Amino acid sequence: MKINSRKVIKVLETFAPQKYAQSWDNVGFQIGSIDSKIDKVMVALEVTPEVIDEAIDESVDLLIVHHPLIFKPIKSVVNCDPIGNMILDLVNNRINLIVAHTNLDSSDIGLNHYLAKKINLGRINNLSDGYVKKYYKIAFYIPDEYRNKMINILDELGVGALGNYRGCTYTVEGKGTFKPLEGANPFIGSVDTLEEVDEVKIEAVVEESILNKVIEKIIKNHPYETPAYDVIAMENQFDNPNMGLVGYLDSSVTLKDFTMNLKETLSSKSIRVVKANDRKINKVALCTGASSDFIDNAFEVGADVYITGDLKYHEAQYAKLKGINIIDAGHFETEQFFVDEFLNILRRKFEKQSYDIVIIKSQVNINPFMYL
C-alpha cells in the first residue's frame, strides 16, 4: 500500500531531524512532489547516473541518499550539465529525492555513533562543543475560531519542535480590545468604536532560521488587518548537535593493530596513516566523511588517534607537527558501510508505523577511486 511522501519525512525526523543539519548543508526533500505516493524506496550513499538507472530498473518511487545532489545554488537545470541531467532524469522518471546528510551524521544512531559502536568505543562524548541554534518565542493574538487553523500552519512550518516532539504550542484565552481609526478596514468592529473580542494568545518556540518566514505566514493567514505579535529571544539550548565523537577502547593497542582492525571493520582496500608518536591507542576521536576541521579538537581532548577521511597533504603535515596520529580511512569507506544500517533503521521505523512499502539498498559501486 502506497504512503504519502510526507510520512517518510516524518519518519526521518524521528532520528535525523533537519534541525540537526549544519548551517552550510542542504538536506530534506530536494526533488519531486512533496505529496507523492510512495511504494518503493531505495537507499544509497549518493546520486549518480548509475544509481538513477538502477532506480528506474527497480521502479523506485523515492531515493533516500546521504550526499546532497543539490548542494550549491544552481542557476539552470540543463541536460548538458551533469547535475542538471541527473535532476532531469529524476523528474522525468518521477523519482523523488530526500537527503539526510549532516543531520544523519549528528544523530545518536547515525554514522558517527555507528562507527563508534563498531570499534567498541565506550564513555562516548562530543568531540567539540558543537553548535547551538538560536531560538525565539513568538506570541500572537487571534480569534478563538482561527486557533486550530493557525496551529496547523505553524506545525507545517516546523514551529514548536522540541527534542522528539513537534507542534508544541501554548494558548491562553482572554479579551482583546481595539479601536479602528479612520482609514482602517477592520475584520471585526466599526471605525472609531472601542471593540472587545474573545481571543486566544498562541505561543511557540521558533528556530532563528525560519523566524522571518513564520512571521510572514502568520501575517498572511491572520484575519486581522494589523496583527499584533511579540518576538522574544530565548537563552534555552534545546539542542547541541555535534558530528564528531570521542571515546575509549577497553584496552590499549598499537597504532598498527588498531589501524588493521579498523581496515577490516570498514572493508577497506587501502588506508592511510599519519604516525605522529609511538603512544598506544586508548582514547579515540572520530568523524566520518571529510572532517579534517576537527584535528585541533581531537588534539585538545587528548585523543591518541583521530579517524576521518579526505585528509590533504598539508593537513597531514600539520597533524604530525601537533603530535596527533591520524587515520585517513577514506570518505567513501567511512560512510558506505553505514548504508546497510540506514536501511535497517528505516525498515524498523516503517514497520513500527505499519507502512507496507518496499525498501531496498542500491547495489551500485559509486566509489570514484580504483585501488591498483
Protein backbone atom coordinates (compact mmCIF):
# COMPACT_ATOMS: atom_id res chain seq x y z
CA MET A 1 0.00 0.00 0.00
CA LYS A 2 1.46 3.35 -1.06
CA ILE A 3 2.03 6.08 1.50
CA ASN A 4 2.38 9.83 1.23
CA SER A 5 5.98 11.03 1.00
CA ARG A 6 5.32 13.42 3.90
CA LYS A 7 5.11 10.34 6.14
CA VAL A 8 8.58 9.27 5.04
CA ILE A 9 9.91 12.71 6.02
CA LYS A 10 8.23 12.41 9.43
CA VAL A 11 9.94 9.04 9.96
CA LEU A 12 13.33 10.60 9.18
CA GLU A 13 12.57 13.44 11.57
CA THR A 14 12.33 10.93 14.44
CA PHE A 15 16.06 10.11 14.28
CA ALA A 16 17.71 12.59 11.87
CA PRO A 17 15.75 15.85 12.21
CA GLN A 18 16.60 18.56 9.70
CA LYS A 19 17.35 20.98 12.52
CA TYR A 20 20.46 18.87 13.28
CA ALA A 21 21.98 19.72 9.89
CA GLN A 22 24.89 22.12 9.71
CA SER A 23 24.01 25.63 8.52
CA TRP A 24 26.00 25.19 5.28
CA ASP A 25 24.27 21.92 4.42
CA ASN A 26 21.26 21.21 2.17
CA VAL A 27 19.09 18.37 3.44
CA GLY A 28 15.49 17.22 3.22
CA PHE A 29 13.20 16.85 0.22
CA GLN A 30 15.22 18.01 -2.80
CA ILE A 31 13.42 16.76 -5.90
CA GLY A 32 9.87 15.67 -6.66
CA SER A 33 6.40 16.15 -5.27
CA ILE A 34 6.05 16.57 -1.53
CA ASP A 35 2.73 14.70 -1.72
CA SER A 36 3.90 11.79 -3.88
CA LYS A 37 2.58 8.30 -3.28
CA ILE A 38 5.48 6.06 -2.31
CA ASP A 39 5.51 2.31 -2.80
CA LYS A 40 9.22 1.53 -3.19
CA VAL A 41 12.26 3.22 -1.62
CA MET A 42 15.93 2.80 -2.45
CA VAL A 43 18.75 3.83 -0.09
CA ALA A 44 22.14 4.90 -1.46
CA LEU A 45 25.16 6.92 -0.40
CA GLU A 46 24.63 9.45 -3.19
CA VAL A 47 23.03 10.02 -6.57
CA THR A 48 24.96 9.07 -9.69
CA PRO A 49 23.70 8.30 -13.23
CA GLU A 50 24.23 4.61 -12.48
CA VAL A 51 22.16 4.84 -9.28
CA ILE A 52 19.38 6.58 -11.21
CA ASP A 53 19.41 3.85 -13.88
CA GLU A 54 19.18 1.25 -11.12
CA ALA A 55 16.25 3.12 -9.52
CA ILE A 56 14.45 3.23 -12.88
CA ASP A 57 15.01 -0.51 -13.45
CA GLU A 58 13.73 -1.26 -9.94
CA SER A 59 10.63 1.00 -10.35
CA VAL A 60 11.65 3.07 -7.34
CA ASP A 61 9.44 5.98 -6.25
CA LEU A 62 11.87 7.53 -3.77
CA LEU A 63 15.63 7.73 -3.36
CA ILE A 64 17.00 8.46 0.13
CA VAL A 65 20.68 9.36 -0.01
CA HIS A 66 23.37 10.75 2.28
CA HIS A 67 25.16 13.21 -0.02
CA PRO A 68 23.12 16.13 -1.41
CA LEU A 69 22.64 16.20 -5.17
CA ILE A 70 21.84 19.91 -4.97
CA PHE A 71 24.45 21.37 -2.66
CA LYS A 72 25.44 24.76 -4.02
CA PRO A 73 22.98 27.20 -5.63
CA ILE A 74 22.31 26.31 -9.27
CA LYS A 75 21.39 28.83 -11.95
CA SER A 76 19.96 26.43 -14.52
CA VAL A 77 18.85 22.82 -14.97
CA VAL A 78 20.02 21.66 -18.39
CA ASN A 79 20.98 18.26 -19.76
CA CYS A 80 24.47 19.38 -20.81
CA ASP A 81 25.37 19.79 -17.13
CA PRO A 82 25.98 16.57 -15.12
CA ILE A 83 23.94 17.72 -12.11
CA GLY A 84 21.20 19.20 -14.29
CA ASN A 85 21.00 16.00 -16.31
CA MET A 86 20.53 13.89 -13.18
CA ILE A 87 17.84 16.26 -11.90
CA LEU A 88 16.00 15.98 -15.22
CA ASP A 89 16.30 12.17 -15.19
CA LEU A 90 14.80 12.00 -11.70
CA VAL A 91 11.96 14.38 -12.60
CA ASN A 92 11.20 12.70 -15.94
CA ASN A 93 11.03 9.29 -14.27
CA ARG A 94 9.01 10.57 -11.32
CA ILE A 95 11.65 9.56 -8.79
CA ASN A 96 11.65 11.70 -5.66
CA LEU A 97 14.80 12.52 -3.72
CA ILE A 98 15.34 13.02 0.02
CA VAL A 99 18.75 13.82 1.52
CA ALA A 100 19.90 13.03 5.08
CA HIS A 101 23.45 14.39 5.38
CA THR A 102 24.88 16.17 8.43
CA ASN A 103 21.56 15.68 10.24
CA LEU A 104 22.26 11.94 9.96
CA ASP A 105 25.91 12.45 10.95
CA SER A 106 24.72 14.20 14.13
CA SER A 107 22.08 11.61 15.02
CA ASP A 108 22.70 9.42 18.05
CA ILE A 109 22.02 6.41 15.79
CA GLY A 110 23.77 7.95 12.79
CA LEU A 111 27.12 7.41 11.10
CA ASN A 112 29.48 8.54 13.84
CA HIS A 113 27.76 6.70 16.66
CA TYR A 114 27.55 3.61 14.45
CA LEU A 115 31.31 3.69 13.76
CA ALA A 116 31.99 4.25 17.47
CA LYS A 117 29.86 1.20 18.25
CA LYS A 118 31.58 -0.95 15.60
CA ILE A 119 35.04 -0.25 17.04
CA ASN A 120 33.76 -0.78 20.60
CA LEU A 121 34.26 2.71 21.98
CA GLY A 122 32.95 3.40 25.47
CA ARG A 123 32.38 6.57 27.53
CA ILE A 124 31.47 8.48 24.37
CA ASN A 125 31.25 12.27 24.36
CA ASN A 126 31.06 15.04 21.78
CA LEU A 127 34.38 15.90 20.19
CA SER A 128 33.66 19.62 20.39
CA ASP A 129 31.02 21.92 21.81
CA GLY A 130 29.10 21.55 18.57
CA TYR A 131 26.95 24.49 17.67
CA VAL A 132 23.92 25.96 19.37
CA LYS A 133 20.97 27.15 17.36
CA LYS A 134 19.29 30.37 18.45
CA TYR A 135 15.61 30.21 19.31
CA TYR A 136 12.85 32.76 19.80
CA LYS A 137 9.43 32.64 21.39
CA ILE A 138 6.74 34.08 19.18
CA ALA A 139 3.34 35.06 20.61
CA PHE A 140 0.30 36.50 18.85
CA TYR A 141 -3.41 37.06 19.43
CA ILE A 142 -6.18 35.68 17.25
CA PRO A 143 -9.96 34.98 17.44
CA ASP A 144 -10.57 31.57 19.00
CA GLU A 145 -12.22 30.15 15.87
CA TYR A 146 -8.90 30.55 14.00
CA ARG A 147 -6.87 28.76 16.67
CA ASN A 148 -6.66 25.28 15.10
CA LYS A 149 -6.03 26.58 11.60
CA MET A 150 -3.09 28.67 12.76
CA ILE A 151 -1.63 25.90 14.94
CA ASN A 152 -1.67 23.56 11.93
CA ILE A 153 0.09 26.19 9.82
CA LEU A 154 2.77 26.59 12.49
CA ASP A 155 3.26 22.82 12.66
CA GLU A 156 3.76 22.59 8.88
CA LEU A 157 6.47 25.24 9.14
CA GLY A 158 8.31 23.30 11.85
CA VAL A 159 7.40 25.69 14.67
CA GLY A 160 7.28 24.23 18.18
CA ALA A 161 9.86 21.49 17.61
CA LEU A 162 11.37 20.47 20.97
CA GLY A 163 13.54 17.35 21.08
CA ASN A 164 11.44 14.41 19.87
CA TYR A 165 8.26 16.49 19.91
CA ARG A 166 6.79 18.90 17.39
CA GLY A 167 3.73 21.13 17.19
CA CYS A 168 4.32 22.33 20.76
CA THR A 169 2.27 25.47 21.45
CA TYR A 170 0.58 27.12 24.41
CA THR A 171 -2.69 29.04 24.27
CA VAL A 172 -4.33 31.37 26.76
CA GLU A 173 -7.87 32.66 26.46
CA GLY A 174 -8.59 36.32 27.06
CA LYS A 175 -10.23 39.54 25.88
CA GLY A 176 -8.74 41.77 23.21
CA THR A 177 -9.69 45.42 22.78
CA PHE A 178 -9.03 47.81 19.90
CA LYS A 179 -10.46 50.91 18.26
CA PRO A 180 -10.27 51.12 14.44
CA LEU A 181 -9.29 54.61 13.28
CA GLU A 182 -10.30 56.48 10.15
CA GLY A 183 -8.94 54.68 7.08
CA ALA A 184 -8.87 51.26 8.75
CA ASN A 185 -10.62 48.25 7.25
CA PRO A 186 -11.33 46.18 10.37
CA PHE A 187 -12.12 42.46 10.23
CA ILE A 188 -14.28 42.96 13.35
CA GLY A 189 -15.88 46.14 14.66
CA SER A 190 -16.53 49.66 13.40
CA VAL A 191 -14.38 52.76 12.91
CA ASP A 192 -13.93 54.95 15.99
CA THR A 193 -15.63 52.39 18.26
CA LEU A 194 -13.78 50.53 21.03
CA GLU A 195 -14.34 46.83 20.43
CA GLU A 196 -13.89 43.82 22.75
CA VAL A 197 -13.23 40.38 21.25
CA ASP A 198 -12.79 36.86 22.64
CA GLU A 199 -9.24 35.94 21.63
CA VAL A 200 -6.55 33.38 22.35
CA LYS A 201 -2.86 34.05 22.72
CA ILE A 202 -0.74 31.43 20.95
CA GLU A 203 2.89 30.97 21.99
CA ALA A 204 5.50 28.75 20.35
CA VAL A 205 9.27 28.33 20.04
CA VAL A 206 10.78 29.17 16.66
CA GLU A 207 14.27 28.48 15.33
CA GLU A 208 16.05 31.60 14.09
CA SER A 209 16.47 30.29 10.52
CA ILE A 210 12.69 30.18 9.94
CA LEU A 211 11.62 33.13 12.11
CA ASN A 212 11.02 35.62 9.28
CA LYS A 213 9.13 33.02 7.24
CA VAL A 214 6.93 32.24 10.24
CA ILE A 215 6.11 35.92 10.82
CA GLU A 216 5.22 36.36 7.14
CA LYS A 217 2.96 33.28 7.26
CA ILE A 218 1.20 34.47 10.43
CA ILE A 219 0.51 37.89 8.93
CA LYS A 220 -0.69 36.37 5.65
CA ASN A 221 -3.13 33.97 7.34
CA HIS A 222 -4.25 36.20 10.22
CA PRO A 223 -7.79 37.61 9.82
CA TYR A 224 -6.84 40.99 11.32
CA GLU A 225 -5.66 43.83 9.13
CA THR A 226 -2.77 44.56 11.51
CA PRO A 227 -1.95 41.52 13.67
CA ALA A 228 -0.13 42.08 16.95
CA TYR A 229 2.73 39.73 17.79
CA ASP A 230 5.75 39.51 20.11
CA VAL A 231 9.18 38.03 19.36
CA ILE A 232 11.34 37.24 22.39
CA ALA A 233 14.95 35.98 22.22
CA MET A 234 15.50 32.82 24.30
CA GLU A 235 18.56 31.62 26.18
CA ASN A 236 17.42 27.97 26.21
CA GLN A 237 19.64 25.48 24.37
CA PHE A 238 17.22 22.86 23.09
CA ASP A 239 19.80 21.00 21.06
CA ASN A 240 23.54 20.96 20.57
CA PRO A 241 24.15 18.60 17.64
CA ASN A 242 27.72 17.53 17.09
CA MET A 243 29.09 15.30 14.38
CA GLY A 244 32.45 14.40 15.96
CA LEU A 245 32.79 11.95 18.86
CA VAL A 246 35.49 10.83 21.29
CA GLY A 247 35.60 7.69 23.40
CA TYR A 248 37.78 4.97 24.92
CA LEU A 249 38.78 1.43 23.97
CA ASP A 250 38.56 -1.37 26.53
CA SER A 251 42.33 -1.78 26.38
CA SER A 252 45.24 -0.02 24.70
CA VAL A 253 46.57 -1.31 21.35
CA THR A 254 49.32 -0.28 18.99
CA LEU A 255 48.51 2.14 16.18
CA LYS A 256 49.25 -0.57 13.63
CA ASP A 257 46.91 -3.12 15.25
CA PHE A 258 44.17 -0.53 15.68
CA THR A 259 44.50 0.51 12.04
CA MET A 260 44.36 -3.07 10.76
CA ASN A 261 41.24 -3.77 12.85
CA LEU A 262 39.61 -0.60 11.51
CA LYS A 263 40.52 -1.58 7.96
CA GLU A 264 38.76 -4.91 8.47
CA THR A 265 35.71 -3.25 10.07
CA LEU A 266 35.29 -0.88 7.13
CA SER A 267 36.22 -3.49 4.49
CA SER A 268 38.79 -1.01 3.21
CA LYS A 269 41.22 -1.92 0.43
CA SER A 270 43.59 0.85 1.40
CA ILE A 271 44.05 3.07 4.43
CA ARG A 272 46.42 5.99 5.14
CA VAL A 273 48.05 6.73 8.48
CA VAL A 274 49.85 9.76 9.84
CA LYS A 275 52.05 8.47 12.65
CA ALA A 276 52.97 11.38 14.91
CA ASN A 277 54.01 9.46 18.04
CA ASP A 278 54.54 5.96 19.44
CA ARG A 279 51.80 6.05 22.07
CA LYS A 280 49.42 3.15 22.31
CA ILE A 281 45.86 3.86 21.28
CA ASN A 282 43.23 4.14 24.01
CA LYS A 283 41.38 7.42 23.51
CA VAL A 284 39.89 7.67 20.01
CA ALA A 285 38.32 10.64 18.24
CA LEU A 286 36.38 10.24 15.01
CA CYS A 287 34.23 11.97 12.43
CA THR A 288 33.20 10.18 9.24
CA GLY A 289 33.47 11.70 5.78
CA ALA A 290 35.69 14.73 5.22
CA SER A 291 36.27 16.24 8.68
CA SER A 292 39.83 17.45 8.95
CA ASP A 293 38.42 20.60 10.60
CA PHE A 294 38.33 18.63 13.87
CA ILE A 295 42.07 17.86 14.06
CA ASP A 296 42.60 20.59 16.65
CA ASN A 297 39.59 19.36 18.65
CA ALA A 298 40.98 15.82 18.67
CA PHE A 299 44.33 17.14 19.90
CA GLU A 300 42.73 19.32 22.60
CA VAL A 301 40.74 16.45 24.09
CA GLY A 302 43.89 14.33 24.25
CA ALA A 303 42.89 11.74 21.66
CA ASP A 304 45.59 9.19 20.80
CA VAL A 305 44.28 8.96 17.25
CA TYR A 306 41.72 10.74 15.08
CA ILE A 307 39.75 8.85 12.40
CA THR A 308 38.38 10.75 9.40
CA GLY A 309 38.65 10.87 5.60
CA ASP A 310 39.85 13.05 2.71
CA LEU A 311 42.93 14.26 4.55
CA LYS A 312 45.04 16.70 2.50
CA TYR A 313 48.85 16.75 2.45
CA HIS A 314 49.28 19.96 4.44
CA GLU A 315 46.65 18.83 6.96
CA ALA A 316 48.65 15.63 7.46
CA GLN A 317 51.84 17.64 7.99
CA TYR A 318 50.01 19.88 10.46
CA ALA A 319 48.75 16.87 12.44
CA LYS A 320 52.25 15.45 12.61
CA LEU A 321 53.59 18.76 13.90
CA LYS A 322 50.79 18.84 16.51
CA GLY A 323 51.76 15.34 17.57
CA ILE A 324 48.43 13.57 16.94
CA ASN A 325 48.06 10.34 14.99
CA ILE A 326 45.57 10.43 12.12
CA ILE A 327 43.89 7.60 10.25
CA ASP A 328 42.51 8.62 6.88
CA ALA A 329 40.11 5.74 6.37
CA GLY A 330 38.56 7.28 3.27
CA HIS A 331 35.44 9.37 2.71
CA PHE A 332 33.62 6.59 0.87
CA GLU A 333 34.73 3.84 3.26
CA THR A 334 33.71 5.65 6.47
CA GLU A 335 30.21 6.27 5.12
CA GLN A 336 29.33 3.45 2.73
CA PHE A 337 29.49 0.79 5.45
CA PHE A 338 26.59 2.57 7.23
CA VAL A 339 24.15 2.20 4.31
CA ASP A 340 23.09 -1.30 5.43
CA GLU A 341 22.38 0.03 8.93
CA PHE A 342 20.50 3.01 7.48
CA LEU A 343 18.34 0.57 5.53
CA ASN A 344 17.64 -1.45 8.69
CA ILE A 345 16.74 1.66 10.70
CA LEU A 346 14.24 2.76 8.05
CA ARG A 347 12.73 -0.73 7.83
CA ARG A 348 12.21 -0.85 11.59
CA LYS A 349 10.68 2.63 11.61
CA PHE A 350 8.36 1.83 8.70
CA GLU A 351 7.28 -1.46 10.29
CA LYS A 352 6.55 0.33 13.57
CA GLN A 353 4.19 2.65 11.68
CA SER A 354 2.72 -0.31 9.74
CA TYR A 355 3.85 1.22 6.44
CA ASP A 356 3.71 -1.62 3.92
CA ILE A 357 6.31 -0.34 1.46
CA VAL A 358 9.33 -1.99 -0.14
CA ILE A 359 12.79 -0.65 0.78
CA ILE A 360 15.96 -1.79 -0.94
CA LYS A 361 19.65 -0.89 -0.97
CA SER A 362 21.47 0.30 -4.08
CA GLN A 363 23.89 -2.30 -5.40
CA VAL A 364 25.90 0.16 -7.50
CA ASN A 365 29.53 0.76 -6.53
CA ILE A 366 29.86 4.54 -6.60
CA ASN A 367 33.42 4.76 -5.24
CA PRO A 368 35.22 7.05 -7.74
CA PHE A 369 38.62 5.62 -6.76
CA MET A 370 40.31 2.46 -8.02
CA TYR A 371 42.96 0.63 -5.98
CA LEU A 372 45.66 -0.93 -8.18
